[in-house]
Amino acid sequence: GMDKDVVKYVTSCEGCRLVGLPSKPEPMCRREMPARPWIDVAIDFLGPLPSGEYLLVIVDYFSRYKEIEIMKRITAEETTCRLHTIFTRLGYPVTITLDNARQFISTHFDAYCKLH
């Protein structure tokens, strides 16, 4: 019936397979708006894309401005190299919100953040 058709459609949908099942939502909490741009940013990865590449996405909480880098490898070293290029151009944020991806919990990334 219709349920089987929906399951068949969703399992064959490329976009649905890329996104996967939604995770359990976190409770909503209001963030305090930063006083100016580029004080507080969020960083995350999207992918792998069908091409095998990943997107490094940085979002400024004040302006919602986004920087996106296409990456073939998402090692801590490559990630900090890309961030350094962006932060050199736009300035270093005061705080960075990120998840516990292995690139962000590495000693290399930790040392980079302490240095800057």
PDB file of N, CA and C in Angstrom:
ATOM      1  N   GLY A   1       0.793  -1.170   0.000  1.00  0.00           N
ATOM      2  CA  GLY A   1       0.000   0.000   0.000  1.00  0.00           C
ATOM      3  C   GLY A   1       0.850   1.255   0.000  1.00  0.00           C
ATOM      4  N   MET A   2       0.271   2.311   0.473  1.00  0.00           N
ATOM      5  CA  MET A   2       0.929   3.608   0.477  1.00  0.00           C
ATOM      6  C   MET A   2       2.173   3.609   1.367  1.00  0.00           C
ATOM      7  N   ASP A   3       2.126   2.943   2.535  1.00  0.00           N
ATOM      8  CA  ASP A   3       3.280   2.898   3.430  1.00  0.00           C
ATOM      9  C   ASP A   3       4.494   2.300   2.729  1.00  0.00           C
ATOM     10  N   LYS A   4       4.288   1.213   1.994  1.00  0.00           N
ATOM     11  CA  LYS A   4       5.391   0.575   1.270  1.00  0.00           C
ATOM     12  C   LYS A   4       5.942   1.504   0.192  1.00  0.00           C
ATOM     13  N   ASP A   5       5.057   2.247  -0.477  1.00  0.00           N
ATOM     14  CA  ASP A   5       5.496   3.194  -1.502  1.00  0.00           C
ATOM     15  C   ASP A   5       6.357   4.297  -0.896  1.00  0.00           C
ATOM     16  N   VAL A   6       5.958   4.793   0.264  1.00  0.00           N
ATOM     17  CA  VAL A   6       6.720   5.845   0.941  1.00  0.00           C
ATOM     18  C   VAL A   6       8.096   5.319   1.341  1.00  0.00           C
ATOM     19  N   VAL A   7       8.142   4.133   1.940  1.00  0.00           N
ATOM     20  CA  VAL A   7       9.421   3.534   2.344  1.00  0.00           C
ATOM     21  C   VAL A   7      10.313   3.343   1.121  1.00  0.00           C
ATOM     22  N   LYS A   8       9.752   2.848   0.029  1.00  0.00           N
ATOM     23  CA  LYS A   8      10.520   2.633  -1.199  1.00  0.00           C
ATOM     24  C   LYS A   8      11.063   3.957  -1.731  1.00  0.00           C
ATOM     25  N   TYR A   9      10.229   4.998  -1.711  1.00  0.00           N
ATOM     26  CA  TYR A   9      10.652   6.305  -2.209  1.00  0.00           C
ATOM     27  C   TYR A   9      11.788   6.873  -1.357  1.00  0.00           C
ATOM     28  N   VAL A  10      11.629   6.829  -0.053  1.00  0.00           N
ATOM     29  CA  VAL A  10      12.631   7.405   0.849  1.00  0.00           C
ATOM     30  C   VAL A  10      13.950   6.643   0.752  1.00  0.00           C
ATOM     31  N   THR A  11      13.900   5.313   0.680  1.00  0.00           N
ATOM     32  CA  THR A  11      15.141   4.539   0.613  1.00  0.00           C
ATOM     33  C   THR A  11      15.845   4.690  -0.727  1.00  0.00           C
ATOM     34  N   SER A  12      15.135   5.110  -1.769  1.00  0.00           N
ATOM     35  CA  SER A  12      15.778   5.304  -3.068  1.00  0.00           C
ATOM     36  C   SER A  12      16.145   6.768  -3.319  1.00  0.00           C
ATOM     37  N   CYS A  13      15.765   7.650  -2.433  1.00  0.00           N
ATOM     38  CA  CYS A  13      16.024   9.088  -2.585  1.00  0.00           C
ATOM     39  C   CYS A  13      17.474   9.392  -2.197  1.00  0.00           C
ATOM     40  N   GLU A  14      18.267   9.918  -3.151  1.00  0.00           N
ATOM     41  CA  GLU A  14      19.679  10.222  -2.894  1.00  0.00           C
ATOM     42  C   GLU A  14      19.824  11.253  -1.768  1.00  0.00           C
ATOM     43  N   GLY A  15      19.031  12.306  -1.801  1.00  0.00           N
ATOM     44  CA  GLY A  15      19.102  13.331  -0.756  1.00  0.00           C
ATOM     45  C   GLY A  15      18.766  12.780   0.612  1.00  0.00           C
ATOM     46  N   CYS A  16      17.749  11.903   0.675  1.00  0.00           N
ATOM     47  CA  CYS A  16      17.359  11.299   1.952  1.00  0.00           C
ATOM     48  C   CYS A  16      18.481  10.429   2.502  1.00  0.00           C
ATOM     49  N   ARG A  17      19.165   9.698   1.603  1.00  0.00           N
ATOM     50  CA  ARG A  17      20.256   8.839   2.060  1.00  0.00           C
ATOM     51  C   ARG A  17      21.445   9.668   2.526  1.00  0.00           C
ATOM     52  N   LEU A  18      21.717  10.805   1.872  1.00  0.00           N
ATOM     53  CA  LEU A  18      22.818  11.666   2.293  1.00  0.00           C
ATOM     54  C   LEU A  18      22.570  12.257   3.672  1.00  0.00           C
ATOM     55  N   VAL A  19      21.348  12.706   3.897  1.00  0.00           N
ATOM     56  CA  VAL A  19      21.010  13.344   5.170  1.00  0.00           C
ATOM     57  C   VAL A  19      20.879  12.319   6.279  1.00  0.00           C
ATOM     58  N   GLY A  20      20.325  11.149   5.977  1.00  0.00           N
ATOM     59  CA  GLY A  20      20.159  10.094   6.972  1.00  0.00           C
ATOM     60  C   GLY A  20      19.015  10.400   7.914  1.00  0.00           C
ATOM     61  N   LEU A  21      18.901   9.560   8.916  1.00  0.00           N
ATOM     62  CA  LEU A  21      17.845   9.747   9.902  1.00  0.00           C
ATOM     63  C   LEU A  21      18.160  10.946  10.781  1.00  0.00           C
ATOM     64  N   PRO A  22      17.159  11.725  11.119  1.00  0.00           N
ATOM     65  CA  PRO A  22      17.422  12.868  11.997  1.00  0.00           C
ATOM     66  C   PRO A  22      17.789  12.390  13.395  1.00  0.00           C
ATOM     67  N   SER A  23      18.710  13.102  14.014  1.00  0.00           N
ATOM     68  CA  SER A  23      19.065  12.771  15.388  1.00  0.00           C
ATOM     69  C   SER A  23      18.013  13.345  16.327  1.00  0.00           C
ATOM     70  N   LYS A  24      18.005  12.837  17.541  1.00  0.00           N
ATOM     71  CA  LYS A  24      17.046  13.322  18.530  1.00  0.00           C
ATOM     72  C   LYS A  24      17.306  14.810  18.769  1.00  0.00           C
ATOM     73  N   PRO A  25      16.282  15.641  18.669  1.00  0.00           N
ATOM     74  CA  PRO A  25      16.514  17.082  18.801  1.00  0.00           C
ATOM     75  C   PRO A  25      16.954  17.468  20.210  1.00  0.00           C
ATOM     76  N   GLU A  26      17.873  18.413  20.251  1.00  0.00           N
ATOM     77  CA  GLU A  26      18.309  18.977  21.522  1.00  0.00           C
ATOM     78  C   GLU A  26      17.251  19.975  21.987  1.00  0.00           C
ATOM     79  N   PRO A  27      17.121  20.152  23.302  1.00  0.00           N
ATOM     80  CA  PRO A  27      16.174  21.163  23.781  1.00  0.00           C
ATOM     81  C   PRO A  27      16.577  22.547  23.268  1.00  0.00           C
ATOM     82  N   MET A  28      15.596  23.327  22.905  1.00  0.00           N
ATOM     83  CA  MET A  28      15.864  24.669  22.400  1.00  0.00           C
ATOM     84  C   MET A  28      16.331  25.572  23.533  1.00  0.00           C
ATOM     85  N   CYS A  29      17.371  26.321  23.266  1.00  0.00           N
ATOM     86  CA  CYS A  29      17.807  27.334  24.227  1.00  0.00           C
ATOM     87  C   CYS A  29      18.227  28.566  23.430  1.00  0.00           C
ATOM     88  N   ARG A  30      17.883  29.700  23.941  1.00  0.00           N
ATOM     89  CA  ARG A  30      18.162  30.957  23.255  1.00  0.00           C
ATOM     90  C   ARG A  30      19.628  31.343  23.468  1.00  0.00           C
ATOM     91  N   ARG A  31      20.288  31.663  22.363  1.00  0.00           N
ATOM     92  CA  ARG A  31      21.675  32.137  22.423  1.00  0.00           C
ATOM     93  C   ARG A  31      21.657  33.651  22.584  1.00  0.00           C
ATOM     94  N   GLU A  32      22.605  34.140  23.325  1.00  0.00           N
ATOM     95  CA  GLU A  32      22.756  35.588  23.421  1.00  0.00           C
ATOM     96  C   GLU A  32      23.408  36.081  22.136  1.00  0.00           C
ATOM     97  N   MET A  33      22.855  37.126  21.556  1.00  0.00           N
ATOM     98  CA  MET A  33      23.380  37.659  20.304  1.00  0.00           C
ATOM     99  C   MET A  33      24.740  38.310  20.558  1.00  0.00           C
ATOM    100  N   PRO A  34      25.762  37.946  19.786  1.00  0.00           N
ATOM    101  CA  PRO A  34      27.064  38.604  19.939  1.00  0.00           C
ATOM    102  C   PRO A  34      26.945  40.100  19.656  1.00  0.00           C
ATOM    103  N   ALA A  35      27.852  40.879  20.207  1.00  0.00           N
ATOM    104  CA  ALA A  35      27.809  42.334  20.064  1.00  0.00           C
ATOM    105  C   ALA A  35      28.160  42.798  18.657  1.00  0.00           C
ATOM    106  N   ARG A  36      28.940  42.003  17.945  1.00  0.00           N
ATOM    107  CA  ARG A  36      29.354  42.380  16.591  1.00  0.00           C
ATOM    108  C   ARG A  36      29.720  41.119  15.800  1.00  0.00           C
ATOM    109  N   PRO A  37      29.922  41.259  14.506  1.00  0.00           N
ATOM    110  CA  PRO A  37      30.257  40.085  13.687  1.00  0.00           C
ATOM    111  C   PRO A  37      31.582  39.436  14.085  1.00  0.00           C
ATOM    112  N   TRP A  38      31.633  38.161  13.835  1.00  0.00           N
ATOM    113  CA  TRP A  38      32.836  37.331  13.914  1.00  0.00           C
ATOM    114  C   TRP A  38      33.404  37.198  15.325  1.00  0.00           C
ATOM    115  N   ILE A  39      32.555  37.368  16.354  1.00  0.00           N
ATOM    116  CA  ILE A  39      32.963  37.098  17.734  1.00  0.00           C
ATOM    117  C   ILE A  39      32.717  35.635  18.055  1.00  0.00           C
ATOM    118  N   ASP A  40      31.566  35.132  17.630  1.00  0.00           N
ATOM    119  CA  ASP A  40      31.137  33.766  17.942  1.00  0.00           C
ATOM    120  C   ASP A  40      30.753  33.077  16.639  1.00  0.00           C
ATOM    121  N   VAL A  41      31.457  31.990  16.314  1.00  0.00           N
ATOM    122  CA  VAL A  41      31.167  31.259  15.084  1.00  0.00           C
ATOM    123  C   VAL A  41      30.905  29.792  15.399  1.00  0.00           C
ATOM    124  N   ALA A  42      30.207  29.135  14.492  1.00  0.00           N
ATOM    125  CA  ALA A  42      29.985  27.690  14.573  1.00  0.00           C
ATOM    126  C   ALA A  42      30.719  27.044  13.407  1.00  0.00           C
ATOM    127  N   ILE A  43      31.312  25.884  13.663  1.00  0.00           N
ATOM    128  CA  ILE A  43      32.055  25.159  12.630  1.00  0.00           C
ATOM    129  C   ILE A  43      31.567  23.720  12.606  1.00  0.00           C
ATOM    130  N   ASP A  44      31.355  23.207  11.396  1.00  0.00           N
ATOM    131  CA  ASP A  44      30.960  21.803  11.260  1.00  0.00           C
ATOM    132  C   ASP A  44      31.319  21.315   9.866  1.00  0.00           C
ATOM    133  N   PHE A  45      31.251  20.010   9.693  1.00  0.00           N
ATOM    134  CA  PHE A  45      31.479  19.385   8.393  1.00  0.00           C
ATOM    135  C   PHE A  45      30.170  18.863   7.843  1.00  0.00           C
ATOM    136  N   LEU A  46      30.046  18.893   6.532  1.00  0.00           N
ATOM    137  CA  LEU A  46      28.927  18.280   5.833  1.00  0.00           C
ATOM    138  C   LEU A  46      29.519  17.272   4.861  1.00  0.00           C
ATOM    139  N   GLY A  47      29.016  16.063   4.877  1.00  0.00           N
ATOM    140  CA  GLY A  47      29.506  15.079   3.930  1.00  0.00           C
ATOM    141  C   GLY A  47      29.704  13.727   4.571  1.00  0.00           C
ATOM    142  N   PRO A  48      30.194  12.795   3.798  1.00  0.00           N
ATOM    143  CA  PRO A  48      30.783  12.984   2.480  1.00  0.00           C
ATOM    144  C   PRO A  48      29.717  13.212   1.409  1.00  0.00           C
ATOM    145  N   LEU A  49      30.060  14.051   0.450  1.00  0.00           N
ATOM    146  CA  LEU A  49      29.213  14.296  -0.704  1.00  0.00           C
ATOM    147  C   LEU A  49      29.373  13.128  -1.677  1.00  0.00           C
ATOM    148  N   PRO A  50      28.501  13.023  -2.667  1.00  0.00           N
ATOM    149  CA  PRO A  50      28.646  11.935  -3.644  1.00  0.00           C
ATOM    150  C   PRO A  50      30.026  11.904  -4.310  1.00  0.00           C
ATOM    151  N   SER A  51      30.677  13.056  -4.404  1.00  0.00           N
ATOM    152  CA  SER A  51      32.015  13.143  -5.001  1.00  0.00           C
ATOM    153  C   SER A  51      33.102  12.636  -4.058  1.00  0.00           C
ATOM    154  N   GLY A  52      32.736  12.358  -2.794  1.00  0.00           N
ATOM    155  CA  GLY A  52      33.720  11.941  -1.802  1.00  0.00           C
ATOM    156  C   GLY A  52      34.307  13.110  -1.032  1.00  0.00           C
ATOM    157  N   GLU A  53      33.956  14.322  -1.418  1.00  0.00           N
ATOM    158  CA  GLU A  53      34.469  15.512  -0.748  1.00  0.00           C
ATOM    159  C   GLU A  53      33.573  15.886   0.435  1.00  0.00           C
ATOM    160  N   TYR A  54      34.095  16.768   1.279  1.00  0.00           N
ATOM    161  CA  TYR A  54      33.373  17.274   2.442  1.00  0.00           C
ATOM    162  C   TYR A  54      33.311  18.789   2.346  1.00  0.00           C
ATOM    163  N   LEU A  55      32.353  19.372   3.040  1.00  0.00           N
ATOM    164  CA  LEU A  55      32.276  20.822   3.153  1.00  0.00           C
ATOM    165  C   LEU A  55      32.587  21.221   4.584  1.00  0.00           C
ATOM    166  N   LEU A  56      33.548  22.101   4.749  1.00  0.00           N
ATOM    167  CA  LEU A  56      33.820  22.731   6.035  1.00  0.00           C
ATOM    168  C   LEU A  56      32.970  23.996   6.049  1.00  0.00           C
ATOM    169  N   VAL A  57      32.041  24.086   7.003  1.00  0.00           N
ATOM    170  CA  VAL A  57      31.094  25.197   7.049  1.00  0.00           C
ATOM    171  C   VAL A  57      31.330  25.995   8.326  1.00  0.00           C
ATOM    172  N   ILE A  58      31.519  27.298   8.164  1.00  0.00           N
ATOM    173  CA  ILE A  58      31.690  28.211   9.294  1.00  0.00           C
ATOM    174  C   ILE A  58      30.578  29.245   9.201  1.00  0.00           C
ATOM    175  N   VAL A  59      29.837  29.427  10.294  1.00  0.00           N
ATOM    176  CA  VAL A  59      28.720  30.375  10.310  1.00  0.00           C
ATOM    177  C   VAL A  59      28.937  31.376  11.438  1.00  0.00           C
ATOM    178  N   ASP A  60      28.853  32.660  11.103  1.00  0.00           N
ATOM    179  CA  ASP A  60      28.932  33.723  12.102  1.00  0.00           C
ATOM    180  C   ASP A  60      27.562  33.878  12.753  1.00  0.00           C
ATOM    181  N   TYR A  61      27.508  33.774  14.082  1.00  0.00           N
ATOM    182  CA  TYR A  61      26.222  33.855  14.784  1.00  0.00           C
ATOM    183  C   TYR A  61      25.580  35.238  14.694  1.00  0.00           C
ATOM    184  N   PHE A  62      26.360  36.290  14.545  1.00  0.00           N
ATOM    185  CA  PHE A  62      25.806  37.643  14.494  1.00  0.00           C
ATOM    186  C   PHE A  62      25.127  37.920  13.150  1.00  0.00           C
ATOM    187  N   SER A  63      25.863  37.710  12.070  1.00  0.00           N
ATOM    188  CA  SER A  63      25.376  38.094  10.737  1.00  0.00           C
ATOM    189  C   SER A  63      24.824  36.939   9.916  1.00  0.00           C
ATOM    190  N   ARG A  64      25.068  35.712  10.365  1.00  0.00           N
ATOM    191  CA  ARG A  64      24.728  34.493   9.617  1.00  0.00           C
ATOM    192  C   ARG A  64      25.583  34.355   8.350  1.00  0.00           C
ATOM    193  N   TYR A  65      26.646  35.139   8.261  1.00  0.00           N
ATOM    194  CA  TYR A  65      27.590  35.015   7.146  1.00  0.00           C
ATOM    195  C   TYR A  65      28.229  33.634   7.189  1.00  0.00           C
ATOM    196  N   LYS A  66      28.403  33.039   6.009  1.00  0.00           N
ATOM    197  CA  LYS A  66      28.952  31.686   5.941  1.00  0.00           C
ATOM    198  C   LYS A  66      30.213  31.649   5.100  1.00  0.00           C
ATOM    199  N   GLU A  67      31.169  30.883   5.547  1.00  0.00           N
ATOM    200  CA  GLU A  67      32.355  30.536   4.766  1.00  0.00           C
ATOM    201  C   GLU A  67      32.290  29.039   4.552  1.00  0.00           C
ATOM    202  N   ILE A  68      32.481  28.599   3.321  1.00  0.00           N
ATOM    203  CA  ILE A  68      32.421  27.173   3.008  1.00  0.00           C
ATOM    204  C   ILE A  68      33.665  26.795   2.224  1.00  0.00           C
ATOM    205  N   GLU A  69      34.331  25.752   2.677  1.00  0.00           N
ATOM    206  CA  GLU A  69      35.521  25.227   2.014  1.00  0.00           C
ATOM    207  C   GLU A  69      35.255  23.797   1.582  1.00  0.00           C
ATOM    208  N   ILE A  70      35.594  23.458   0.351  1.00  0.00           N
ATOM    209  CA  ILE A  70      35.498  22.079  -0.125  1.00  0.00           C
ATOM    210  C   ILE A  70      36.800  21.382   0.237  1.00  0.00           C
ATOM    211  N   MET A  71      36.673  20.228   0.893  1.00  0.00           N
ATOM    212  CA  MET A  71      37.864  19.510   1.354  1.00  0.00           C
ATOM    213  C   MET A  71      37.823  18.054   0.905  1.00  0.00           C
ATOM    214  N   LYS A  72      38.967  17.559   0.452  1.00  0.00           N
ATOM    215  CA  LYS A  72      39.082  16.146   0.095  1.00  0.00           C
ATOM    216  C   LYS A  72      39.426  15.314   1.329  1.00  0.00           C
ATOM    217  N   ARG A  73      40.225  15.879   2.223  1.00  0.00           N
ATOM    218  CA  ARG A  73      40.611  15.201   3.470  1.00  0.00           C
ATOM    219  C   ARG A  73      40.206  16.093   4.638  1.00  0.00           C
ATOM    220  N   ILE A  74      39.680  15.502   5.688  1.00  0.00           N
ATOM    221  CA  ILE A  74      39.240  16.306   6.833  1.00  0.00           C
ATOM    222  C   ILE A  74      40.045  15.942   8.078  1.00  0.00           C
ATOM    223  N   THR A  75      41.350  15.935   7.925  1.00  0.00           N
ATOM    224  CA  THR A  75      42.231  15.708   9.068  1.00  0.00           C
ATOM    225  C   THR A  75      42.293  16.980   9.910  1.00  0.00           C
ATOM    226  N   ALA A  76      42.770  16.851  11.129  1.00  0.00           N
ATOM    227  CA  ALA A  76      42.928  18.021  11.998  1.00  0.00           C
ATOM    228  C   ALA A  76      43.898  19.017  11.374  1.00  0.00           C
ATOM    229  N   GLU A  77      44.952  18.513  10.772  1.00  0.00           N
ATOM    230  CA  GLU A  77      45.958  19.388  10.165  1.00  0.00           C
ATOM    231  C   GLU A  77      45.377  20.167   8.989  1.00  0.00           C
ATOM    232  N   GLU A  78      44.663  19.476   8.108  1.00  0.00           N
ATOM    233  CA  GLU A  78      44.057  20.142   6.952  1.00  0.00           C
ATOM    234  C   GLU A  78      42.972  21.124   7.399  1.00  0.00           C
ATOM    235  N   THR A  79      42.213  20.749   8.419  1.00  0.00           N
ATOM    236  CA  THR A  79      41.155  21.624   8.935  1.00  0.00           C
ATOM    237  C   THR A  79      41.747  22.905   9.504  1.00  0.00           C
ATOM    238  N   THR A  80      42.783  22.801  10.327  1.00  0.00           N
ATOM    239  CA  THR A  80      43.387  24.007  10.904  1.00  0.00           C
ATOM    240  C   THR A  80      44.049  24.858   9.827  1.00  0.00           C
ATOM    241  N   CYS A  81      44.579  24.230   8.792  1.00  0.00           N
ATOM    242  CA  CYS A  81      45.165  24.986   7.683  1.00  0.00           C
ATOM    243  C   CYS A  81      44.092  25.833   6.999  1.00  0.00           C
ATOM    244  N   ARG A  82      42.940  25.240   6.737  1.00  0.00           N
ATOM    245  CA  ARG A  82      41.835  25.978   6.103  1.00  0.00           C
ATOM    246  C   ARG A  82      41.307  27.072   7.032  1.00  0.00           C
ATOM    247  N   LEU A  83      41.155  26.745   8.311  1.00  0.00           N
ATOM    248  CA  LEU A  83      40.677  27.745   9.272  1.00  0.00           C
ATOM    249  C   LEU A  83      41.661  28.908   9.371  1.00  0.00           C
ATOM    250  N   HIS A  84      42.946  28.605   9.361  1.00  0.00           N
ATOM    251  CA  HIS A  84      43.963  29.653   9.453  1.00  0.00           C
ATOM    252  C   HIS A  84      43.839  30.626   8.276  1.00  0.00           C
ATOM    253  N   THR A  85      43.609  30.095   7.084  1.00  0.00           N
ATOM    254  CA  THR A  85      43.436  30.943   5.902  1.00  0.00           C
ATOM    255  C   THR A  85      42.229  31.865   6.072  1.00  0.00           C
ATOM    256  N   ILE A  86      41.133  31.312   6.557  1.00  0.00           N
ATOM    257  CA  ILE A  86      39.908  32.100   6.749  1.00  0.00           C
ATOM    258  C   ILE A  86      40.086  33.109   7.880  1.00  0.00           C
ATOM    259  N   PHE A  87      40.623  32.668   9.014  1.00  0.00           N
ATOM    260  CA  PHE A  87      40.769  33.552  10.171  1.00  0.00           C
ATOM    261  C   PHE A  87      41.799  34.648   9.921  1.00  0.00           C
ATOM    262  N   THR A  88      42.809  34.377   9.113  1.00  0.00           N
ATOM    263  CA  THR A  88      43.782  35.413   8.770  1.00  0.00           C
ATOM    264  C   THR A  88      43.108  36.529   7.975  1.00  0.00           C
ATOM    265  N   ARG A  89      42.168  36.155   7.144  1.00  0.00           N
ATOM    266  CA  ARG A  89      41.445  37.128   6.315  1.00  0.00           C
ATOM    267  C   ARG A  89      40.360  37.859   7.093  1.00  0.00           C
ATOM    268  N   LEU A  90      39.613  37.142   7.947  1.00  0.00           N
ATOM    269  CA  LEU A  90      38.438  37.721   8.604  1.00  0.00           C
ATOM    270  C   LEU A  90      38.641  38.042  10.082  1.00  0.00           C
ATOM    271  N   GLY A  91      39.714  37.567  10.657  1.00  0.00           N
ATOM    272  CA  GLY A  91      39.961  37.752  12.082  1.00  0.00           C
ATOM    273  C   GLY A  91      39.640  36.486  12.853  1.00  0.00           C
ATOM    274  N   TYR A  92      40.232  36.366  14.024  1.00  0.00           N
ATOM    275  CA  TYR A  92      40.010  35.193  14.870  1.00  0.00           C
ATOM    276  C   TYR A  92      38.798  35.427  15.763  1.00  0.00           C
ATOM    277  N   PRO A  93      37.850  34.499  15.781  1.00  0.00           N
ATOM    278  CA  PRO A  93      36.687  34.655  16.661  1.00  0.00           C
ATOM    279  C   PRO A  93      37.089  34.478  18.122  1.00  0.00           C
ATOM    280  N   VAL A  94      36.263  35.000  19.012  1.00  0.00           N
ATOM    281  CA  VAL A  94      36.500  34.838  20.449  1.00  0.00           C
ATOM    282  C   VAL A  94      36.079  33.443  20.887  1.00  0.00           C
ATOM    283  N   THR A  95      34.927  32.981  20.394  1.00  0.00           N
ATOM    284  CA  THR A  95      34.448  31.642  20.736  1.00  0.00           C
ATOM    285  C   THR A  95      34.064  30.889  19.468  1.00  0.00           C
ATOM    286  N   ILE A  96      34.256  29.569  19.546  1.00  0.00           N
ATOM    287  CA  ILE A  96      33.900  28.678  18.451  1.00  0.00           C
ATOM    288  C   ILE A  96      33.003  27.593  19.017  1.00  0.00           C
ATOM    289  N   THR A  97      31.840  27.416  18.408  1.00  0.00           N
ATOM    290  CA  THR A  97      30.936  26.334  18.787  1.00  0.00           C
ATOM    291  C   THR A  97      31.120  25.215  17.772  1.00  0.00           C
ATOM    292  N   LEU A  98      31.362  23.999  18.271  1.00  0.00           N
ATOM    293  CA  LEU A  98      31.568  22.866  17.384  1.00  0.00           C
ATOM    294  C   LEU A  98      31.154  21.582  18.069  1.00  0.00           C
ATOM    295  N   ASP A  99      31.089  20.516  17.272  1.00  0.00           N
ATOM    296  CA  ASP A  99      30.733  19.224  17.848  1.00  0.00           C
ATOM    297  C   ASP A  99      32.014  18.484  18.239  1.00  0.00           C
ATOM    298  N   ASN A 100      31.884  17.239  18.597  1.00  0.00           N
ATOM    299  CA  ASN A 100      33.041  16.465  19.041  1.00  0.00           C
ATOM    300  C   ASN A 100      33.655  15.639  17.924  1.00  0.00           C
ATOM    301  N   ALA A 101      33.633  16.154  16.704  1.00  0.00           N
ATOM    302  CA  ALA A 101      34.286  15.459  15.597  1.00  0.00           C
ATOM    303  C   ALA A 101      35.766  15.310  15.920  1.00  0.00           C
ATOM    304  N   ARG A 102      36.354  14.217  15.469  1.00  0.00           N
ATOM    305  CA  ARG A 102      37.738  13.913  15.838  1.00  0.00           C
ATOM    306  C   ARG A 102      38.713  15.025  15.460  1.00  0.00           C
ATOM    307  N   GLN A 103      38.409  15.793  14.404  1.00  0.00           N
ATOM    308  CA  GLN A 103      39.292  16.889  14.007  1.00  0.00           C
ATOM    309  C   GLN A 103      39.319  17.983  15.068  1.00  0.00           C
ATOM    310  N   PHE A 104      38.209  18.128  15.787  1.00  0.00           N
ATOM    311  CA  PHE A 104      38.083  19.215  16.749  1.00  0.00           C
ATOM    312  C   PHE A 104      38.522  18.826  18.154  1.00  0.00           C
ATOM    313  N   ILE A 105      38.664  17.548  18.429  1.00  0.00           N
ATOM    314  CA  ILE A 105      39.089  17.142  19.770  1.00  0.00           C
ATOM    315  C   ILE A 105      40.531  16.645  19.762  1.00  0.00           C
ATOM    316  N   SER A 106      41.236  16.913  18.675  1.00  0.00           N
ATOM    317  CA  SER A 106      42.629  16.483  18.554  1.00  0.00           C
ATOM    318  C   SER A 106      43.550  17.441  19.302  1.00  0.00           C
ATOM    319  N   THR A 107      44.717  16.960  19.655  1.00  0.00           N
ATOM    320  CA  THR A 107      45.713  17.820  20.305  1.00  0.00           C
ATOM    321  C   THR A 107      46.193  18.896  19.331  1.00  0.00           C
ATOM    322  N   HIS A 108      46.231  18.570  18.043  1.00  0.00           N
ATOM    323  CA  HIS A 108      46.647  19.549  17.034  1.00  0.00           C
ATOM    324  C   HIS A 108      45.686  20.745  17.006  1.00  0.00           C
ATOM    325  N   PHE A 109      44.388  20.482  16.977  1.00  0.00           N
ATOM    326  CA  PHE A 109      43.393  21.555  16.952  1.00  0.00           C
ATOM    327  C   PHE A 109      43.420  22.338  18.262  1.00  0.00           C
ATOM    328  N   ASP A 110      43.552  21.637  19.372  1.00  0.00           N
ATOM    329  CA  ASP A 110      43.622  22.290  20.680  1.00  0.00           C
ATOM    330  C   ASP A 110      44.820  23.237  20.744  1.00  0.00           C
ATOM    331  N   ALA A 111      45.970  22.781  20.264  1.00  0.00           N
ATOM    332  CA  ALA A 111      47.171  23.625  20.266  1.00  0.00           C
ATOM    333  C   ALA A 111      46.979  24.841  19.364  1.00  0.00           C
ATOM    334  N   TYR A 112      46.332  24.655  18.215  1.00  0.00           N
ATOM    335  CA  TYR A 112      46.071  25.765  17.301  1.00  0.00           C
ATOM    336  C   TYR A 112      45.196  26.819  17.977  1.00  0.00           C
ATOM    337  N   CYS A 113      44.138  26.374  18.652  1.00  0.00           N
ATOM    338  CA  CYS A 113      43.233  27.316  19.324  1.00  0.00           C
ATOM    339  C   CYS A 113      43.943  28.072  20.440  1.00  0.00           C
ATOM    340  N   LYS A 114      44.772  27.397  21.199  1.00  0.00           N
ATOM    341  CA  LYS A 114      45.498  28.066  22.290  1.00  0.00           C
ATOM    342  C   LYS A 114      46.500  29.081  21.758  1.00  0.00           C
ATOM    343  N   LEU A 115      47.084  28.788  20.605  1.00  0.00           N
ATOM    344  CA  LEU A 115      48.060  29.693  19.999  1.00  0.00           C
ATOM    345  C   LEU A 115      47.404  30.972  19.497  1.00  0.00           C
ATOM    346  N   HIS A 116      46.157  30.863  19.048  1.00  0.00           N
ATOM    347  CA  HIS A 116      45.475  32.013  18.455  1.00  0.00           C
ATOM    348  C   HIS A 116      44.332  32.481  19.317  1.00  0.00           C
TER     349      HIS A 116
END
